[in-house]
């Protein structure tokens, strides 16, 4: 299973989002720190979920990072997050 599929599945399970768009930006970071020739190291996430209601931006990001901890430990280098409730 690809990292993209694992991240998507983990976020779906944890937050039941109304919408989720995960973009692999790895090609834009070729040659940068943390980049891998195989890709799947840099992503942008747009996620809308009621689960973030009442959370600050920092809390929402921390919740996402917590769910994706194993991905960060296994090569995910960067994740730009846009998390909203609406």
N, C-alpha and C. Protein backbone atom coordinates (compact mmCIF):
# COMPACT_ATOMS: atom_id res chain seq x y z
N UNK A 1 0.86 -1.18 0.00
CA UNK A 1 0.00 0.00 0.00
C UNK A 1 0.90 1.24 0.00
N UNK A 2 0.57 2.20 -0.81
CA UNK A 2 1.37 3.43 -0.90
C UNK A 2 1.19 4.30 0.35
N UNK A 3 2.15 5.18 0.58
CA UNK A 3 2.04 6.11 1.71
C UNK A 3 0.78 6.96 1.55
N UNK A 4 0.49 7.39 0.34
CA UNK A 4 -0.71 8.20 0.08
C UNK A 4 -1.96 7.45 0.55
N UNK A 5 -2.06 6.19 0.21
CA UNK A 5 -3.22 5.38 0.60
C UNK A 5 -3.27 5.17 2.11
N UNK A 6 -2.12 4.94 2.74
CA UNK A 6 -2.09 4.75 4.20
C UNK A 6 -2.50 6.02 4.93
N UNK A 7 -1.98 7.17 4.48
CA UNK A 7 -2.33 8.44 5.12
C UNK A 7 -3.82 8.70 4.96
N UNK A 8 -4.33 8.52 3.76
CA UNK A 8 -5.76 8.75 3.51
C UNK A 8 -6.61 7.85 4.39
N UNK A 9 -6.28 6.59 4.46
CA UNK A 9 -7.05 5.64 5.28
C UNK A 9 -7.00 6.01 6.76
N UNK A 10 -5.83 6.38 7.25
CA UNK A 10 -5.68 6.74 8.66
C UNK A 10 -6.49 7.98 9.01
N UNK A 11 -6.45 8.98 8.14
CA UNK A 11 -7.20 10.21 8.39
C UNK A 11 -8.71 9.97 8.29
N UNK A 12 -9.13 9.16 7.34
CA UNK A 12 -10.55 8.81 7.21
C UNK A 12 -11.03 8.13 8.49
N UNK A 13 -10.26 7.17 8.99
CA UNK A 13 -10.64 6.42 10.19
C UNK A 13 -10.67 7.31 11.43
N UNK A 14 -9.73 8.20 11.54
CA UNK A 14 -9.60 9.03 12.75
C UNK A 14 -10.59 10.19 12.80
N UNK A 15 -10.88 10.80 11.65
CA UNK A 15 -11.64 12.05 11.66
C UNK A 15 -12.95 12.03 10.88
N UNK A 16 -13.24 10.98 10.14
CA UNK A 16 -14.46 10.92 9.30
C UNK A 16 -14.70 12.24 8.59
N UNK A 17 -13.75 12.68 7.80
CA UNK A 17 -13.85 14.01 7.19
C UNK A 17 -14.97 14.14 6.16
N UNK A 18 -15.50 15.37 6.07
CA UNK A 18 -16.46 15.70 5.00
C UNK A 18 -15.73 15.73 3.67
N UNK A 19 -14.50 16.22 3.71
CA UNK A 19 -13.67 16.23 2.50
C UNK A 19 -12.21 16.05 2.91
N UNK A 20 -11.46 15.44 2.01
CA UNK A 20 -10.05 15.19 2.24
C UNK A 20 -9.36 15.18 0.89
N UNK A 21 -8.36 16.02 0.76
CA UNK A 21 -7.56 16.07 -0.46
C UNK A 21 -6.10 16.04 -0.03
N UNK A 22 -5.38 15.03 -0.49
CA UNK A 22 -3.98 14.85 -0.16
C UNK A 22 -3.17 14.93 -1.44
N UNK A 23 -2.28 15.89 -1.51
CA UNK A 23 -1.50 16.15 -2.71
C UNK A 23 -0.03 15.81 -2.46
N UNK A 24 0.54 14.96 -3.29
CA UNK A 24 1.95 14.61 -3.19
C UNK A 24 2.77 15.70 -3.87
N UNK A 25 3.49 16.46 -3.06
CA UNK A 25 4.33 17.56 -3.55
C UNK A 25 5.80 17.17 -3.65
N UNK A 26 6.10 15.90 -3.52
CA UNK A 26 7.49 15.44 -3.44
C UNK A 26 8.34 15.89 -4.62
N UNK A 27 7.79 15.88 -5.81
CA UNK A 27 8.57 16.27 -6.99
C UNK A 27 9.07 17.70 -6.91
N UNK A 28 8.33 18.55 -6.22
CA UNK A 28 8.74 19.96 -6.06
C UNK A 28 9.94 20.09 -5.12
N UNK A 29 10.23 19.05 -4.35
CA UNK A 29 11.28 19.12 -3.33
C UNK A 29 12.48 18.24 -3.67
N UNK A 30 12.57 17.81 -4.91
CA UNK A 30 13.69 16.99 -5.35
C UNK A 30 15.01 17.68 -5.01
N UNK A 31 15.87 16.96 -4.32
CA UNK A 31 17.16 17.51 -3.94
C UNK A 31 17.16 18.24 -2.61
N UNK A 32 16.01 18.45 -2.01
CA UNK A 32 15.93 19.13 -0.72
C UNK A 32 16.09 18.12 0.41
N UNK A 33 16.32 18.62 1.60
CA UNK A 33 16.44 17.76 2.78
C UNK A 33 15.17 16.95 2.96
N UNK A 34 15.34 15.67 3.24
CA UNK A 34 14.20 14.81 3.50
C UNK A 34 13.55 14.24 2.26
N UNK A 35 13.93 14.73 1.09
CA UNK A 35 13.32 14.25 -0.15
C UNK A 35 13.93 12.90 -0.52
N UNK A 36 13.13 12.06 -1.11
CA UNK A 36 13.58 10.74 -1.56
C UNK A 36 13.33 10.64 -3.06
N UNK A 37 14.23 10.02 -3.79
CA UNK A 37 14.00 9.84 -5.23
C UNK A 37 12.71 9.08 -5.52
N UNK A 38 12.29 8.26 -4.57
CA UNK A 38 11.05 7.48 -4.75
C UNK A 38 9.80 8.32 -4.50
N UNK A 39 9.96 9.51 -3.95
CA UNK A 39 8.80 10.38 -3.68
C UNK A 39 8.10 10.02 -2.38
N UNK A 40 6.88 10.47 -2.25
CA UNK A 40 6.03 10.25 -1.08
C UNK A 40 6.66 10.74 0.22
N UNK A 41 7.31 11.91 0.16
CA UNK A 41 7.94 12.49 1.35
C UNK A 41 7.33 13.84 1.74
N UNK A 42 6.75 14.53 0.80
CA UNK A 42 6.20 15.87 1.03
C UNK A 42 4.76 15.92 0.52
N UNK A 43 3.85 16.35 1.38
CA UNK A 43 2.44 16.40 1.01
C UNK A 43 1.79 17.70 1.47
N UNK A 44 0.70 18.03 0.81
CA UNK A 44 -0.21 19.08 1.27
C UNK A 44 -1.55 18.41 1.54
N UNK A 45 -2.12 18.71 2.69
CA UNK A 45 -3.39 18.13 3.11
C UNK A 45 -4.45 19.21 3.27
N UNK A 46 -5.58 19.01 2.63
CA UNK A 46 -6.77 19.84 2.84
C UNK A 46 -7.82 18.90 3.43
N UNK A 47 -8.23 19.18 4.66
CA UNK A 47 -9.17 18.30 5.33
C UNK A 47 -10.23 19.13 6.06
N UNK A 48 -11.48 18.72 5.91
CA UNK A 48 -12.61 19.36 6.57
C UNK A 48 -13.31 18.30 7.40
N UNK A 49 -13.39 18.54 8.71
CA UNK A 49 -14.00 17.54 9.59
C UNK A 49 -14.59 18.19 10.83
N UNK A 50 -15.74 17.71 11.24
CA UNK A 50 -16.38 18.17 12.48
C UNK A 50 -15.50 17.86 13.69
N UNK A 51 -14.65 16.85 13.57
CA UNK A 51 -13.78 16.46 14.67
C UNK A 51 -12.88 17.60 15.14
N UNK A 52 -12.65 18.59 14.28
CA UNK A 52 -11.79 19.71 14.64
C UNK A 52 -12.56 20.85 15.34
N UNK A 53 -13.86 20.69 15.46
CA UNK A 53 -14.67 21.74 16.08
C UNK A 53 -14.21 21.96 17.53
N UNK A 54 -13.99 23.22 17.88
CA UNK A 54 -13.54 23.58 19.22
C UNK A 54 -12.03 23.48 19.41
N UNK A 55 -11.33 22.99 18.41
CA UNK A 55 -9.87 22.90 18.49
C UNK A 55 -9.23 24.16 17.91
N UNK A 56 -8.13 24.54 18.50
CA UNK A 56 -7.33 25.60 17.88
C UNK A 56 -6.62 25.00 16.67
N UNK A 57 -6.03 25.84 15.87
CA UNK A 57 -5.27 25.35 14.71
C UNK A 57 -4.15 24.42 15.17
N UNK A 58 -3.47 24.81 16.24
CA UNK A 58 -2.38 23.99 16.77
C UNK A 58 -2.90 22.62 17.23
N UNK A 59 -4.02 22.61 17.92
CA UNK A 59 -4.59 21.35 18.39
C UNK A 59 -5.00 20.44 17.23
N UNK A 60 -5.59 21.01 16.20
CA UNK A 60 -5.98 20.22 15.03
C UNK A 60 -4.74 19.63 14.36
N UNK A 61 -3.71 20.43 14.22
CA UNK A 61 -2.47 19.94 13.60
C UNK A 61 -1.84 18.85 14.46
N UNK A 62 -1.84 19.04 15.78
CA UNK A 62 -1.29 18.03 16.67
C UNK A 62 -2.07 16.72 16.57
N UNK A 63 -3.38 16.81 16.45
CA UNK A 63 -4.20 15.60 16.31
C UNK A 63 -3.85 14.86 15.02
N UNK A 64 -3.65 15.60 13.95
CA UNK A 64 -3.28 14.99 12.66
C UNK A 64 -1.89 14.38 12.75
N UNK A 65 -0.93 15.11 13.33
CA UNK A 65 0.42 14.58 13.48
C UNK A 65 0.42 13.30 14.31
N UNK A 66 -0.40 13.26 15.35
CA UNK A 66 -0.49 12.08 16.20
C UNK A 66 -0.96 10.86 15.41
N UNK A 67 -1.99 11.05 14.58
CA UNK A 67 -2.51 9.96 13.75
C UNK A 67 -1.46 9.48 12.75
N UNK A 68 -0.63 10.39 12.29
CA UNK A 68 0.35 10.05 11.24
C UNK A 68 1.76 9.81 11.78
N UNK A 69 1.88 9.63 13.08
CA UNK A 69 3.19 9.47 13.72
C UNK A 69 4.03 8.38 13.04
N UNK A 70 3.45 7.24 12.77
CA UNK A 70 4.22 6.15 12.16
C UNK A 70 4.71 6.51 10.76
N UNK A 71 3.94 7.32 10.04
CA UNK A 71 4.37 7.76 8.70
C UNK A 71 5.57 8.70 8.80
N UNK A 72 5.55 9.60 9.78
CA UNK A 72 6.69 10.50 9.97
C UNK A 72 7.93 9.71 10.38
N UNK A 73 7.74 8.67 11.18
CA UNK A 73 8.87 7.86 11.61
C UNK A 73 9.43 6.99 10.48
N UNK A 74 8.64 6.80 9.43
CA UNK A 74 9.09 5.92 8.34
C UNK A 74 9.36 6.66 7.03
N UNK A 75 9.56 7.98 7.09
CA UNK A 75 9.99 8.68 5.89
C UNK A 75 9.16 9.87 5.43
N UNK A 76 7.97 10.05 5.97
CA UNK A 76 7.21 11.27 5.65
C UNK A 76 7.99 12.43 6.23
N UNK A 77 8.34 13.40 5.41
CA UNK A 77 9.20 14.49 5.87
C UNK A 77 8.43 15.77 6.15
N UNK A 78 7.45 16.09 5.32
CA UNK A 78 6.76 17.37 5.48
C UNK A 78 5.30 17.23 5.10
N UNK A 79 4.45 17.92 5.89
CA UNK A 79 3.01 17.92 5.64
C UNK A 79 2.48 19.32 5.88
N UNK A 80 2.04 19.98 4.83
CA UNK A 80 1.39 21.28 4.94
C UNK A 80 -0.09 21.00 5.18
N UNK A 81 -0.63 21.53 6.27
CA UNK A 81 -2.00 21.19 6.68
C UNK A 81 -2.92 22.40 6.57
N UNK A 82 -4.07 22.16 5.95
CA UNK A 82 -5.17 23.12 5.91
C UNK A 82 -6.38 22.39 6.48
N UNK A 83 -6.64 22.56 7.77
CA UNK A 83 -7.71 21.84 8.45
C UNK A 83 -8.82 22.80 8.86
N UNK A 84 -10.05 22.46 8.49
CA UNK A 84 -11.20 23.30 8.83
C UNK A 84 -12.37 22.44 9.26
N UNK A 85 -13.38 23.11 9.83
CA UNK A 85 -14.61 22.39 10.21
C UNK A 85 -15.69 22.60 9.17
N UNK A 86 -15.53 23.57 8.28
CA UNK A 86 -16.53 23.85 7.23
C UNK A 86 -15.88 24.02 5.89
